[in-house]
């Protein structure tokens, strides 16, 4: 793996959580192609901007399933095509603070989609192909006024939010009983 000092041109996410200001970033890939076919760009522009796919996986039957974040009426929900669960108000901010690293705005990325969260905050799905990777990786970039943009692997963020969503119904049931 190639690593460049924070002062050099670098990859998407970086950062040494224990040493702020001494971020390490993945070196730029000369072979990254951030160009999408025109038909793909058009389909992305027409997509519903209140929903963002953050993870896709093959279920036990081998069928592709997707996990989405939905922003409706100021509430952030996580779910699939069939159902969704509302997340606590600051869940995304806490998860991104825990798993995120500083975002390099000069990184060679391809913007896939953007979810507008309200209050000037956005969550961008970006794709980055590092020089040592064969397949591009998906990242989520959390941005907002007065916030330093944070970047994390989309699967990491998705699994953390899925876990929160799985424990919320049981917790609410306990609170109603007790």
Protein backbone atom coordinates (compact mmCIF):
# COMPACT_ATOMS: atom_id res chain seq x y z
CA UNK A 1 0.00 0.00 0.00
CA UNK A 2 1.29 3.44 -0.90
CA UNK A 3 0.82 6.17 1.66
CA UNK A 4 1.54 9.85 1.21
CA UNK A 5 1.91 12.52 3.89
CA UNK A 6 -1.08 14.76 4.46
CA UNK A 7 0.60 17.63 2.68
CA UNK A 8 0.78 15.72 -0.62
CA UNK A 9 -1.96 14.91 -3.10
CA UNK A 10 -3.82 11.92 -1.79
CA UNK A 11 -6.85 9.64 -1.73
CA UNK A 12 -10.37 10.00 -0.38
CA UNK A 13 -10.15 9.45 3.38
CA UNK A 14 -7.25 9.70 5.70
CA UNK A 15 -6.37 10.51 9.19
CA UNK A 16 -4.70 9.27 12.26
CA UNK A 17 -7.45 9.53 14.87
CA UNK A 18 -4.87 9.79 17.66
CA UNK A 19 -2.81 12.53 16.02
CA UNK A 20 -5.02 15.28 14.57
CA UNK A 21 -3.31 17.29 11.88
CA UNK A 22 -1.00 14.40 10.99
CA UNK A 23 -3.36 12.66 8.58
CA UNK A 24 -2.05 10.00 6.24
CA UNK A 25 -3.84 9.59 2.98
CA UNK A 26 -3.79 6.97 0.30
CA UNK A 27 -1.70 8.02 -2.71
CA UNK A 28 -3.54 9.02 -5.89
CA UNK A 29 -4.17 6.46 -8.55
CA UNK A 30 -3.01 7.38 -12.06
CA UNK A 31 -5.47 4.90 -13.56
CA UNK A 32 -8.66 6.14 -11.91
CA UNK A 33 -11.37 6.91 -14.37
CA UNK A 34 -13.98 9.11 -12.75
CA UNK A 35 -15.97 9.35 -15.97
CA UNK A 36 -19.40 7.78 -16.06
CA UNK A 37 -21.31 7.00 -19.26
CA UNK A 38 -23.77 9.76 -20.15
CA UNK A 39 -26.75 7.39 -19.73
CA UNK A 40 -25.63 6.54 -16.18
CA UNK A 41 -25.28 10.24 -15.30
CA UNK A 42 -28.78 10.95 -16.58
CA UNK A 43 -30.29 8.09 -14.56
CA UNK A 44 -28.54 9.36 -11.43
CA UNK A 45 -29.86 12.88 -11.96
CA UNK A 46 -33.42 11.59 -12.33
CA UNK A 47 -33.25 9.41 -9.20
CA UNK A 48 -35.33 10.33 -6.15
CA UNK A 49 -33.07 12.60 -4.09
CA UNK A 50 -34.72 11.58 -0.80
CA UNK A 51 -33.26 8.06 -0.96
CA UNK A 52 -29.62 6.92 -1.07
CA UNK A 53 -28.40 3.32 -1.48
CA UNK A 54 -25.61 2.79 1.05
CA UNK A 55 -25.05 -0.97 0.81
CA UNK A 56 -25.81 -3.85 -1.51
CA UNK A 57 -25.32 -7.51 -0.68
CA UNK A 58 -26.37 -10.99 -1.77
CA UNK A 59 -28.85 -12.55 0.64
CA UNK A 60 -28.89 -16.24 1.56
CA UNK A 61 -30.80 -17.05 -1.64
CA UNK A 62 -28.22 -15.27 -3.80
CA UNK A 63 -30.55 -12.38 -4.61
CA UNK A 64 -29.11 -8.86 -4.48
CA UNK A 65 -30.60 -6.78 -1.68
CA UNK A 66 -30.05 -3.11 -1.00
CA UNK A 67 -30.01 -0.96 2.15
CA UNK A 68 -31.18 2.62 1.74
CA UNK A 69 -31.16 5.80 3.78
CA UNK A 70 -34.35 7.83 3.35
CA UNK A 71 -34.75 11.47 4.36
CA UNK A 72 -38.42 12.38 4.69
CA UNK A 73 -39.93 15.27 6.66
CA UNK A 74 -36.67 15.85 8.53
CA UNK A 75 -36.47 12.22 9.70
CA UNK A 76 -33.68 9.89 8.60
CA UNK A 77 -34.74 6.27 8.09
CA UNK A 78 -32.82 3.15 7.14
CA UNK A 79 -34.40 0.24 5.36
CA UNK A 80 -34.97 -1.72 2.20
CA UNK A 81 -37.68 -1.79 -0.47
CA UNK A 82 -40.20 -3.32 1.96
CA UNK A 83 -39.73 -1.50 5.28
CA UNK A 84 -37.77 1.20 7.06
CA UNK A 85 -36.97 2.25 10.64
CA UNK A 86 -36.52 5.84 11.82
CA UNK A 87 -33.07 6.52 13.27
CA UNK A 88 -32.38 8.77 16.25
CA UNK A 89 -31.86 12.40 15.27
CA UNK A 90 -28.06 12.43 15.57
CA UNK A 91 -27.33 8.79 14.63
CA UNK A 92 -25.61 9.56 11.32
CA UNK A 93 -23.48 12.34 12.81
CA UNK A 94 -22.34 10.08 15.67
CA UNK A 95 -21.53 7.15 13.36
CA UNK A 96 -19.59 9.40 10.98
CA UNK A 97 -17.68 10.96 13.89
CA UNK A 98 -16.80 7.47 15.14
CA UNK A 99 -15.78 5.85 11.84
CA UNK A 100 -15.06 8.83 9.60
CA UNK A 101 -11.74 10.40 8.66
CA UNK A 102 -10.98 13.77 7.07
CA UNK A 103 -12.11 13.96 3.44
CA UNK A 104 -9.60 15.00 0.81
CA UNK A 105 -11.49 17.31 -1.59
CA UNK A 106 -8.73 16.93 -4.20
CA UNK A 107 -9.09 13.14 -4.34
CA UNK A 108 -10.00 11.62 -7.70
CA UNK A 109 -13.57 10.46 -7.05
CA UNK A 110 -16.75 9.82 -8.97
CA UNK A 111 -19.87 11.29 -7.38
CA UNK A 112 -22.59 8.66 -7.41
CA UNK A 113 -25.47 10.32 -5.53
CA UNK A 114 -26.26 12.90 -2.87
CA UNK A 115 -28.83 12.83 -0.07
CA UNK A 116 -29.92 16.21 1.30
CA UNK A 117 -30.45 15.86 5.06
CA UNK A 118 -31.66 19.36 5.93
CA UNK A 119 -30.01 22.22 7.83
CA UNK A 120 -27.44 22.42 5.01
CA UNK A 121 -26.13 18.91 5.72
CA UNK A 122 -25.57 16.39 2.93
CA UNK A 123 -24.43 12.80 2.60
CA UNK A 124 -22.61 12.05 -0.63
CA UNK A 125 -21.95 8.59 -2.03
CA UNK A 126 -18.61 8.69 -3.87
CA UNK A 127 -16.51 6.03 -5.55
CA UNK A 128 -12.70 5.93 -5.42
CA UNK A 129 -10.25 3.60 -7.15
CA UNK A 130 -6.85 3.60 -5.47
CA UNK A 131 -3.72 2.59 -7.37
CA UNK A 132 -3.49 -0.74 -5.58
CA UNK A 133 -7.19 -1.69 -5.82
CA UNK A 134 -8.81 -3.62 -8.64
CA UNK A 135 -12.36 -2.60 -7.79
CA UNK A 136 -13.40 0.92 -6.79
CA UNK A 137 -14.59 1.35 -3.21
CA UNK A 138 -17.72 3.18 -2.15
CA UNK A 139 -17.44 5.91 0.49
CA UNK A 140 -19.92 8.19 2.21
CA UNK A 141 -18.95 11.83 2.75
CA UNK A 142 -20.86 13.71 5.48
CA UNK A 143 -20.80 17.49 5.03
CA UNK A 144 -22.49 20.45 6.63
CA UNK A 145 -22.06 24.09 7.59
CA UNK A 146 -19.36 24.45 10.23
CA UNK A 147 -18.40 20.76 9.95
CA UNK A 148 -15.18 19.37 8.53
CA UNK A 149 -16.23 16.86 5.84
CA UNK A 150 -15.91 13.28 7.09
CA UNK A 151 -15.46 10.23 4.91
CA UNK A 152 -15.95 6.52 5.71
CA UNK A 153 -16.45 3.27 3.82
CA UNK A 154 -20.14 2.99 3.02
CA UNK A 155 -20.38 -0.61 4.25
CA UNK A 156 -18.99 0.39 7.66
CA UNK A 157 -21.52 3.20 8.05
CA UNK A 158 -24.36 1.02 6.76
CA UNK A 159 -23.66 -1.81 9.20
CA UNK A 160 -23.40 0.59 12.16
CA UNK A 161 -26.73 2.22 11.25
CA UNK A 162 -28.32 -1.20 10.60
CA UNK A 163 -27.27 -2.29 14.08
CA UNK A 164 -28.83 0.83 15.62
CA UNK A 165 -32.01 0.18 13.65
CA UNK A 166 -32.14 -3.43 14.87
CA UNK A 167 -31.99 -2.49 18.57
CA UNK A 168 -34.35 0.51 18.43
CA UNK A 169 -37.67 -1.46 18.31
CA UNK A 170 -36.69 -3.61 21.32
CA UNK A 171 -35.57 -0.56 23.26
CA UNK A 172 -38.81 1.30 22.51
CA UNK A 173 -40.83 -1.75 23.62
CA UNK A 174 -38.92 -1.89 26.93
CA UNK A 175 -39.50 1.83 27.50
CA UNK A 176 -43.26 1.41 26.95
CA UNK A 177 -43.42 -1.47 29.43
CA UNK A 178 -41.22 0.08 32.10
